[in-house]
Protein backbone atom coordinates (compact mmCIF):
# COMPACT_ATOMS: atom_id res chain seq x y z
CA UNK A 1 -0.05 -0.22 0.11
CA UNK A 2 1.60 3.27 -1.00
CA UNK A 3 0.17 5.54 1.90
CA UNK A 4 1.60 8.59 0.66
CA UNK A 5 -0.33 8.31 -2.62
CA UNK A 6 -3.58 7.15 -0.40
CA UNK A 7 -3.45 10.18 1.76
CA UNK A 8 -2.88 12.60 -1.31
CA UNK A 9 -6.07 11.02 -3.10
CA UNK A 10 -8.15 11.06 0.24
CA UNK A 11 -7.31 14.81 0.97
CA UNK A 12 -8.09 15.83 -2.59
CA UNK A 13 -11.32 14.02 -2.66
CA UNK A 14 -12.17 15.73 0.75
CA UNK A 15 -11.24 19.01 -0.37
CA UNK A 16 -13.52 18.78 -3.32
CA UNK A 17 -16.46 17.37 -1.71
CA UNK A 18 -19.56 19.09 -3.08
CA UNK A 19 -21.52 18.58 0.10
CA UNK A 20 -18.78 18.91 2.71
CA UNK A 21 -20.76 21.88 4.66
CA UNK A 22 -23.59 19.25 4.76
CA UNK A 23 -21.56 16.50 5.93
CA UNK A 24 -20.01 18.74 8.57
CA UNK A 25 -23.35 19.74 9.99
CA UNK A 26 -24.20 16.04 10.25
CA UNK A 27 -21.03 15.51 11.88
CA UNK A 28 -21.58 18.22 14.38
CA UNK A 29 -25.05 16.45 15.33
CA UNK A 30 -23.60 13.30 15.57
CA UNK A 31 -20.52 14.65 17.91
CA UNK A 32 -23.06 16.56 19.99
CA UNK A 33 -25.01 13.59 20.71
CA UNK A 34 -22.09 11.30 21.31
CA UNK A 35 -20.66 13.59 24.06
CA UNK A 36 -24.03 13.81 25.96
CA UNK A 37 -23.11 10.92 28.40
CA UNK A 38 -19.49 11.35 28.51
CA UNK A 39 -18.12 11.98 31.89
CA UNK A 40 -14.98 14.04 30.67
CA UNK A 41 -14.02 17.51 31.80
CA UNK A 42 -10.88 17.97 29.42
CA UNK A 43 -11.09 17.29 25.95
CA UNK A 44 -8.38 17.46 23.42
CA UNK A 45 -9.15 18.38 19.67
CA UNK A 46 -7.57 19.73 16.77
CA UNK A 47 -7.34 22.99 14.53
CA UNK A 48 -8.95 21.95 11.19
CA UNK A 49 -6.61 22.02 8.03
CA UNK A 50 -7.05 20.56 4.58
CA UNK A 51 -10.85 20.22 4.48
CA UNK A 52 -10.86 18.27 7.72
CA UNK A 53 -14.12 18.38 10.17
CA UNK A 54 -14.08 21.19 12.27
CA UNK A 55 -14.83 19.70 15.77
CA UNK A 56 -14.31 23.27 17.79
CA UNK A 57 -18.19 24.17 17.12
CA UNK A 58 -19.56 21.05 18.78
CA UNK A 59 -16.89 21.10 21.35
CA UNK A 60 -17.82 24.86 22.26
CA UNK A 61 -21.11 23.92 22.97
CA UNK A 62 -20.61 21.02 24.90
CA UNK A 63 -18.52 23.45 27.26
CA UNK A 64 -21.37 25.76 27.44
CA UNK A 65 -23.97 23.02 28.18
CA UNK A 66 -22.18 21.83 31.09
CA UNK A 67 -20.14 24.90 32.14
CA UNK A 68 -19.95 23.66 35.66
CA UNK A 69 -20.15 20.08 36.07
CA UNK A 70 -21.68 17.74 39.05
CA UNK A 71 -17.92 17.28 40.35
CA UNK A 72 -17.49 20.91 40.52
CA UNK A 73 -14.70 20.82 37.80
CA UNK A 74 -14.98 23.30 34.51
CA UNK A 75 -14.92 21.77 31.22
CA UNK A 76 -12.14 22.67 28.96
CA UNK A 77 -10.80 22.28 25.76
CA UNK A 78 -7.26 21.92 24.65
CA UNK A 79 -5.66 22.21 21.32
CA UNK A 80 -2.08 20.62 19.93
CA UNK A 81 1.11 22.33 20.58
CA UNK A 82 3.90 20.69 18.85
CA UNK A 83 7.07 19.90 20.86
CA UNK A 84 9.91 19.78 18.21
CA UNK A 85 12.45 18.16 19.88
CA UNK A 86 10.42 14.99 20.85
CA UNK A 87 7.85 15.19 17.81
CA UNK A 88 4.87 15.09 20.58
CA UNK A 89 2.12 16.96 21.33
CA UNK A 90 1.05 18.65 24.35
CA UNK A 91 -2.56 20.62 24.74
CA UNK A 92 -3.05 23.91 25.83
CA UNK A 93 -6.32 25.69 26.87
CA UNK A 94 -8.50 26.82 24.00
CA UNK A 95 -11.31 29.07 23.90
CA UNK A 96 -13.17 31.02 21.14
CA UNK A 97 -11.13 34.61 21.22
CA UNK A 98 -8.03 33.21 22.81
CA UNK A 99 -4.51 34.59 21.86
CA UNK A 100 -3.56 32.34 18.89
CA UNK A 101 -0.38 32.17 17.07
CA UNK A 102 1.03 29.68 13.96
CA UNK A 103 3.09 26.73 14.90
CA UNK A 104 6.13 25.58 12.68
CA UNK A 105 3.52 24.11 10.41
CA UNK A 106 1.51 27.14 9.75
CA UNK A 107 -1.37 25.51 12.01
CA UNK A 108 -3.17 27.90 14.76
CA UNK A 109 -2.10 27.24 18.04
CA UNK A 110 -3.16 28.78 21.55
CA UNK A 111 -0.38 31.27 22.48
CA UNK A 112 0.59 31.34 26.30
CA UNK A 113 -2.26 29.39 27.82
CA UNK A 114 -2.09 26.74 30.62
CA UNK A 115 -1.50 23.05 29.77
CA UNK A 116 -4.45 20.67 30.04
CA UNK A 117 -4.49 17.16 30.05
CA UNK A 118 -7.41 15.77 28.05
CA UNK A 119 -9.18 12.41 29.18
CA UNK A 120 -10.69 12.18 25.83
CA UNK A 121 -9.10 13.07 22.47
CA UNK A 122 -10.46 13.89 19.43
CA UNK A 123 -8.00 13.10 16.21
CA UNK A 124 -8.54 14.09 12.68
CA UNK A 125 -8.50 11.04 10.17
CA UNK A 126 -7.15 11.27 6.59
CA UNK A 127 -8.49 8.04 6.59
CA UNK A 128 -9.85 5.30 8.64
CA UNK A 129 -10.25 1.71 8.48
CA UNK A 130 -12.04 -1.36 10.22
CA UNK A 131 -10.59 -2.15 13.81
CA UNK A 132 -10.39 1.44 14.61
CA UNK A 133 -7.14 2.21 12.63
CA UNK A 134 -6.64 5.61 11.60
CA UNK A 135 -4.48 7.26 8.78
CA UNK A 136 -3.02 10.50 9.28
CA UNK A 137 -0.71 12.58 7.74
CA UNK A 138 2.19 10.35 8.41
CA UNK A 139 4.01 12.51 10.93
CA UNK A 140 3.43 9.90 13.86
CA UNK A 141 2.59 12.97 16.16
CA UNK A 142 -0.31 11.37 17.50
CA UNK A 143 1.23 7.88 18.16
CA UNK A 144 4.26 8.88 19.64
CA UNK A 145 2.16 11.47 22.19
CA UNK A 146 -0.38 8.47 23.00
CA UNK A 147 2.64 6.19 23.85
CA UNK A 148 3.56 8.87 26.50
CA UNK A 149 0.29 9.79 28.04
CA UNK A 150 -0.82 7.91 31.25
CA UNK A 151 -3.46 7.30 31.52
CA UNK A 152 -4.13 7.19 27.90
CA UNK A 153 -6.80 9.23 26.81
CA UNK A 154 -9.98 7.73 25.36
CA UNK A 155 -9.33 8.43 21.66
CA UNK A 156 -12.07 9.41 19.05
CA UNK A 157 -11.34 9.68 15.46
CA UNK A 158 -13.28 11.99 13.44
CA UNK A 159 -13.74 12.05 9.33
CA UNK A 160 -16.19 12.14 6.55
CA UNK A 161 -17.89 8.79 4.96
CA UNK A 162 -15.13 9.33 1.98
CA UNK A 163 -12.48 9.02 4.46
CA UNK A 164 -12.98 4.97 4.73
CA UNK A 165 -10.43 2.93 3.35
CA UNK A 166 -11.40 -0.93 2.69
CA UNK A 167 -7.76 -2.12 2.03
CA UNK A 168 -5.68 -1.06 4.90
CA UNK A 169 -2.77 -3.06 6.71
CA UNK A 170 -2.01 -1.20 10.10
CA UNK A 171 1.79 -1.27 10.81
CA UNK A 172 3.10 -2.54 14.09
CA UNK A 173 3.45 1.15 15.53
CA UNK A 174 -0.37 1.95 14.35
CA UNK A 175 -2.42 2.11 17.45
CA UNK A 176 -6.07 1.75 17.01
CA UNK A 177 -8.60 4.21 18.19
CA UNK A 178 -11.31 3.57 20.93
CA UNK A 179 -14.23 5.21 18.55
CA UNK A 180 -14.52 6.56 15.18
CA UNK A 181 -17.53 8.76 14.12
CA UNK A 182 -18.23 10.12 10.70
CA UNK A 183 -21.36 11.91 9.42
CA UNK A 184 -23.63 8.82 9.21
CA UNK A 185 -22.70 8.03 13.04
CA UNK A 186 -20.48 5.82 15.24
CA UNK A 187 -18.46 3.37 12.70
CA UNK A 188 -16.18 2.37 14.96
CA UNK A 189 -16.80 0.31 17.35
CA UNK A 190 -20.22 -1.29 16.25
CA UNK A 191 -21.15 -1.72 20.04
CA UNK A 192 -19.58 0.75 22.50
CA UNK A 193 -16.73 -0.96 24.32
CA UNK A 194 -16.20 -0.16 28.01
CA UNK A 195 -13.73 2.87 28.84
CA UNK A 196 -10.31 1.52 29.96
């Protein structure tokens, strides 16, 4: 499998979706319903690039809907900041209007906000496959980060239906996600697994 060629094809297909806004609205709804019973107070996400689904509107609504949880903890959202030396990610507090700056890859990141540790992490999928496997951009940032986090956050991939890859062979370093959501609903697992 030529993963580089597959990535290029999937990104181009995603960028050229004529109904991407409609699909994004559907996935916003899927995400909001999926989050209803989650106990998390800190969720990590990402700033969308290259036609990715934008999780931030649904997360902002999640935060506003339960600003102060039953346990007294405030709901918070973190966005990734790259550590160039270790090529891992840390998550920094994000809120609408917070100061932002571009990272080394030109992606906006929170500027000078506190580090947060998510118990739930939404990750973008260039592609995804059966078994919870995700095809990313090839940098390995999420895999390296997840290998260092203890406890490991519950991981959820987000993508459009066109990102499904039928023929996908995971490599030994590929870690399966705990769940994958697309604009049709929950596609992995078919039945919810208990949280670790």
